[in-house]
């Protein structure tokens, strides 16, 4: 009986036909989100400083991404309790993606740059903080722990690759192109969650 139970848990549950597409969508979403977040946190201070800001100003501006995430986590969680979860998180990623693109356009406008960073944090971090709840609601009880753990594990690969990719992007493109690429990466989860 114990063997039969274990055979129906973990990876076996995640990759069953009814859950396979959703599992892949969660992996892609968390990978892309973590990739973009660590890419931004690793390189945004440098890019803002290159636009004329001091190191202190660049560091403060980057910390606003985390501040926006705190606000976003509460907002996205509240909305998830009232509306369809996947759509709420997908929309949060979309808001984050557009805001990151705006960061690249507003480098010399401190007010709009600050607003764009805060809203980007609300969208991107708010969505990322909500992924655990999204995965928990998706998987059945007997596969839930494995499903969430695998999603986080796949996502961490994105966290490793993000900062590495930043150096390559900056060698071949300017700051505006950098933020456009990051914004596009953040929009991938929007499509993945709507496909889920």
Protein backbone atom coordinates (compact mmCIF):
# COMPACT_ATOMS: atom_id res chain seq x y z
CA UNK A 1 0.00 0.00 0.00
CA UNK A 2 2.88 2.37 0.88
CA UNK A 3 4.59 1.60 -2.44
CA UNK A 4 1.40 2.27 -4.37
CA UNK A 5 1.03 5.58 -2.58
CA UNK A 6 4.63 6.66 -3.31
CA UNK A 7 4.26 5.69 -6.97
CA UNK A 8 1.49 8.23 -7.24
CA UNK A 9 3.43 11.11 -5.72
CA UNK A 10 6.22 13.48 -6.68
CA UNK A 11 7.31 13.58 -10.29
CA UNK A 12 4.72 10.96 -11.24
CA UNK A 13 1.94 13.34 -10.21
CA UNK A 14 3.48 16.47 -11.76
CA UNK A 15 3.87 14.87 -15.17
CA UNK A 16 0.53 13.09 -15.41
CA UNK A 17 -1.49 14.13 -18.44
CA UNK A 18 -3.91 16.47 -16.60
CA UNK A 19 -1.07 18.30 -14.81
CA UNK A 20 1.83 18.18 -17.27
CA UNK A 21 1.00 21.38 -19.18
CA UNK A 22 0.38 23.31 -15.98
CA UNK A 23 3.60 21.99 -14.46
CA UNK A 24 5.63 23.17 -17.45
CA UNK A 25 3.86 26.54 -17.34
CA UNK A 26 4.77 26.95 -13.66
CA UNK A 27 8.39 26.00 -14.35
CA UNK A 28 8.69 28.41 -17.28
CA UNK A 29 7.00 31.16 -15.28
CA UNK A 30 9.19 30.86 -12.21
CA UNK A 31 12.36 30.39 -14.27
CA UNK A 32 11.69 33.51 -16.36
CA UNK A 33 10.61 35.57 -13.34
CA UNK A 34 13.66 34.63 -11.27
CA UNK A 35 15.94 35.13 -14.27
CA UNK A 36 14.60 38.66 -14.79
CA UNK A 37 14.61 39.59 -11.09
CA UNK A 38 18.24 38.65 -10.45
CA UNK A 39 19.28 40.15 -13.76
CA UNK A 40 17.72 43.45 -12.71
CA UNK A 41 19.07 43.40 -9.16
CA UNK A 42 22.54 42.56 -10.41
CA UNK A 43 22.85 45.13 -13.18
CA UNK A 44 20.36 47.94 -12.55
CA UNK A 45 22.63 49.85 -10.11
CA UNK A 46 25.40 49.93 -12.72
CA UNK A 47 23.07 51.06 -15.50
CA UNK A 48 21.47 53.79 -13.40
CA UNK A 49 24.89 55.00 -12.32
CA UNK A 50 26.01 55.16 -15.95
CA UNK A 51 23.05 57.44 -16.68
CA UNK A 52 24.56 60.05 -14.33
CA UNK A 53 23.34 59.04 -10.87
CA UNK A 54 25.68 58.64 -7.91
CA UNK A 55 26.35 55.18 -6.47
CA UNK A 56 24.14 56.03 -3.48
CA UNK A 57 21.28 57.14 -5.73
CA UNK A 58 21.63 54.04 -7.92
CA UNK A 59 21.59 51.74 -4.88
CA UNK A 60 18.58 53.53 -3.43
CA UNK A 61 16.75 53.34 -6.76
CA UNK A 62 17.40 49.60 -6.97
CA UNK A 63 16.10 49.08 -3.42
CA UNK A 64 12.80 50.57 -4.61
CA UNK A 65 12.33 47.38 -6.65
CA UNK A 66 12.16 45.44 -3.38
CA UNK A 67 9.91 48.06 -1.79
CA UNK A 68 7.51 47.77 -4.70
CA UNK A 69 7.57 44.02 -4.18
CA UNK A 70 6.28 44.35 -0.62
CA UNK A 71 3.37 46.47 -1.81
CA UNK A 72 2.81 44.17 -4.79
CA UNK A 73 2.72 41.03 -2.64
CA UNK A 74 -0.17 42.40 -0.58
CA UNK A 75 -2.02 43.68 -3.66
CA UNK A 76 -1.60 40.51 -5.74
CA UNK A 77 -2.55 38.29 -2.78
CA UNK A 78 -5.68 40.35 -2.15
CA UNK A 79 -6.66 40.16 -5.82
CA UNK A 80 -5.99 36.40 -5.99
CA UNK A 81 -8.57 35.87 -3.25
CA UNK A 82 -11.19 37.67 -5.33
CA UNK A 83 -10.45 36.85 -8.96
CA UNK A 84 -9.09 33.97 -11.04
CA UNK A 85 -5.57 33.31 -9.70
CA UNK A 86 -3.73 32.63 -12.96
CA UNK A 87 -5.11 35.76 -14.59
CA UNK A 88 -4.16 37.95 -11.61
CA UNK A 89 -0.56 36.72 -11.52
CA UNK A 90 -0.28 36.88 -15.33
CA UNK A 91 -1.48 40.49 -15.23
CA UNK A 92 1.02 41.31 -12.48
CA UNK A 93 3.85 39.96 -14.64
CA UNK A 94 2.56 42.02 -17.59
CA UNK A 95 2.55 45.20 -15.46
CA UNK A 96 6.07 44.37 -14.31
CA UNK A 97 7.27 43.80 -17.87
CA UNK A 98 5.89 47.07 -19.21
CA UNK A 99 7.32 48.96 -16.22
CA UNK A 100 10.78 47.46 -16.73
CA UNK A 101 10.68 48.61 -20.35
CA UNK A 102 9.76 52.10 -19.09
CA UNK A 103 12.81 52.08 -16.78
CA UNK A 104 14.97 51.94 -19.89
CA UNK A 105 13.13 54.89 -21.40
CA UNK A 106 13.20 57.10 -18.27
CA UNK A 107 16.86 56.87 -17.22
CA UNK A 108 17.30 60.68 -17.25
CA UNK A 109 13.96 61.52 -15.61
CA UNK A 110 14.27 60.83 -11.85
CA UNK A 111 10.55 61.09 -11.06
CA UNK A 112 9.38 58.74 -13.80
CA UNK A 113 12.35 56.44 -13.23
CA UNK A 114 11.44 56.10 -9.55
CA UNK A 115 7.78 55.46 -10.35
CA UNK A 116 8.68 52.89 -13.02
CA UNK A 117 10.99 51.01 -10.64
CA UNK A 118 8.37 50.88 -7.87
CA UNK A 119 5.64 49.66 -10.23
CA UNK A 120 8.05 47.14 -11.78
CA UNK A 121 8.72 45.80 -8.29
CA UNK A 122 5.00 45.64 -7.54
CA UNK A 123 4.35 43.66 -10.70
CA UNK A 124 7.39 41.38 -10.89
CA UNK A 125 7.94 40.73 -7.18
CA UNK A 126 4.24 40.68 -6.39
CA UNK A 127 3.80 37.96 -8.99
CA UNK A 128 6.87 36.03 -7.82
CA UNK A 129 5.78 36.07 -4.18
CA UNK A 130 2.43 34.63 -5.27
CA UNK A 131 3.84 31.68 -7.20
CA UNK A 132 3.95 29.40 -4.15
CA UNK A 133 0.25 29.92 -3.55
CA UNK A 134 -0.47 29.38 -7.24
CA UNK A 135 1.43 26.08 -7.27
CA UNK A 136 -0.17 24.95 -4.00
CA UNK A 137 -3.63 25.53 -5.44
CA UNK A 138 -2.72 23.68 -8.65
CA UNK A 139 -1.33 20.39 -7.33
CA UNK A 140 -3.31 17.72 -5.46
CA UNK A 141 -2.30 17.16 -1.83
CA UNK A 142 -0.22 14.04 -2.50
CA UNK A 143 1.98 15.85 -5.05
CA UNK A 144 1.94 19.37 -3.67
CA UNK A 145 5.27 19.45 -1.83
CA UNK A 146 7.16 18.00 -4.79
CA UNK A 147 5.37 20.30 -7.23
CA UNK A 148 6.29 23.44 -5.29
CA UNK A 149 9.87 22.27 -4.65
CA UNK A 150 10.48 21.48 -8.31
CA UNK A 151 9.10 24.85 -9.38
CA UNK A 152 11.43 26.64 -6.95
CA UNK A 153 14.39 24.50 -8.03
CA UNK A 154 13.87 25.17 -11.74
CA UNK A 155 13.44 28.85 -10.95
CA UNK A 156 16.79 29.02 -9.16
CA UNK A 157 18.50 28.03 -12.39
CA UNK A 158 17.09 31.25 -13.84
CA UNK A 159 18.47 33.11 -10.83
CA UNK A 160 21.96 31.84 -11.65
CA UNK A 161 21.76 32.52 -15.38
CA UNK A 162 20.24 36.01 -15.07
CA UNK A 163 23.27 37.96 -13.81
CA UNK A 164 25.58 36.07 -16.19
CA UNK A 165 23.38 37.00 -19.14
CA UNK A 166 23.43 40.65 -18.05
CA UNK A 167 27.12 40.96 -18.83
CA UNK A 168 26.62 39.50 -22.29
CA UNK A 169 23.67 41.80 -23.01
CA UNK A 170 25.57 44.91 -21.97
CA UNK A 171 28.58 44.03 -24.11
CA UNK A 172 26.43 43.71 -27.22
CA UNK A 173 23.64 46.25 -26.57
CA UNK A 174 22.94 49.52 -24.78
CA UNK A 175 20.89 50.13 -21.64
CA UNK A 176 17.58 50.59 -23.49
CA UNK A 177 18.03 47.27 -25.29
CA UNK A 178 18.97 45.64 -21.98
CA UNK A 179 15.71 46.73 -20.34
CA UNK A 180 13.72 45.75 -23.45
CA UNK A 181 15.14 42.22 -23.29
CA UNK A 182 14.39 41.95 -19.56
CA UNK A 183 10.86 43.26 -20.14
CA UNK A 184 10.27 40.67 -22.85
CA UNK A 185 11.51 37.94 -20.51
CA UNK A 186 9.02 39.08 -17.86
CA UNK A 187 6.18 38.89 -20.38
CA UNK A 188 6.89 35.18 -21.02
CA UNK A 189 5.20 34.19 -17.71
CA UNK A 190 2.11 36.12 -18.76
CA UNK A 191 1.73 33.90 -21.82
CA UNK A 192 2.67 30.73 -19.90
CA UNK A 193 0.06 31.32 -17.20
CA UNK A 194 -2.68 32.11 -19.69
CA UNK A 195 -1.78 28.88 -21.53
CA UNK A 196 -1.91 26.92 -18.25
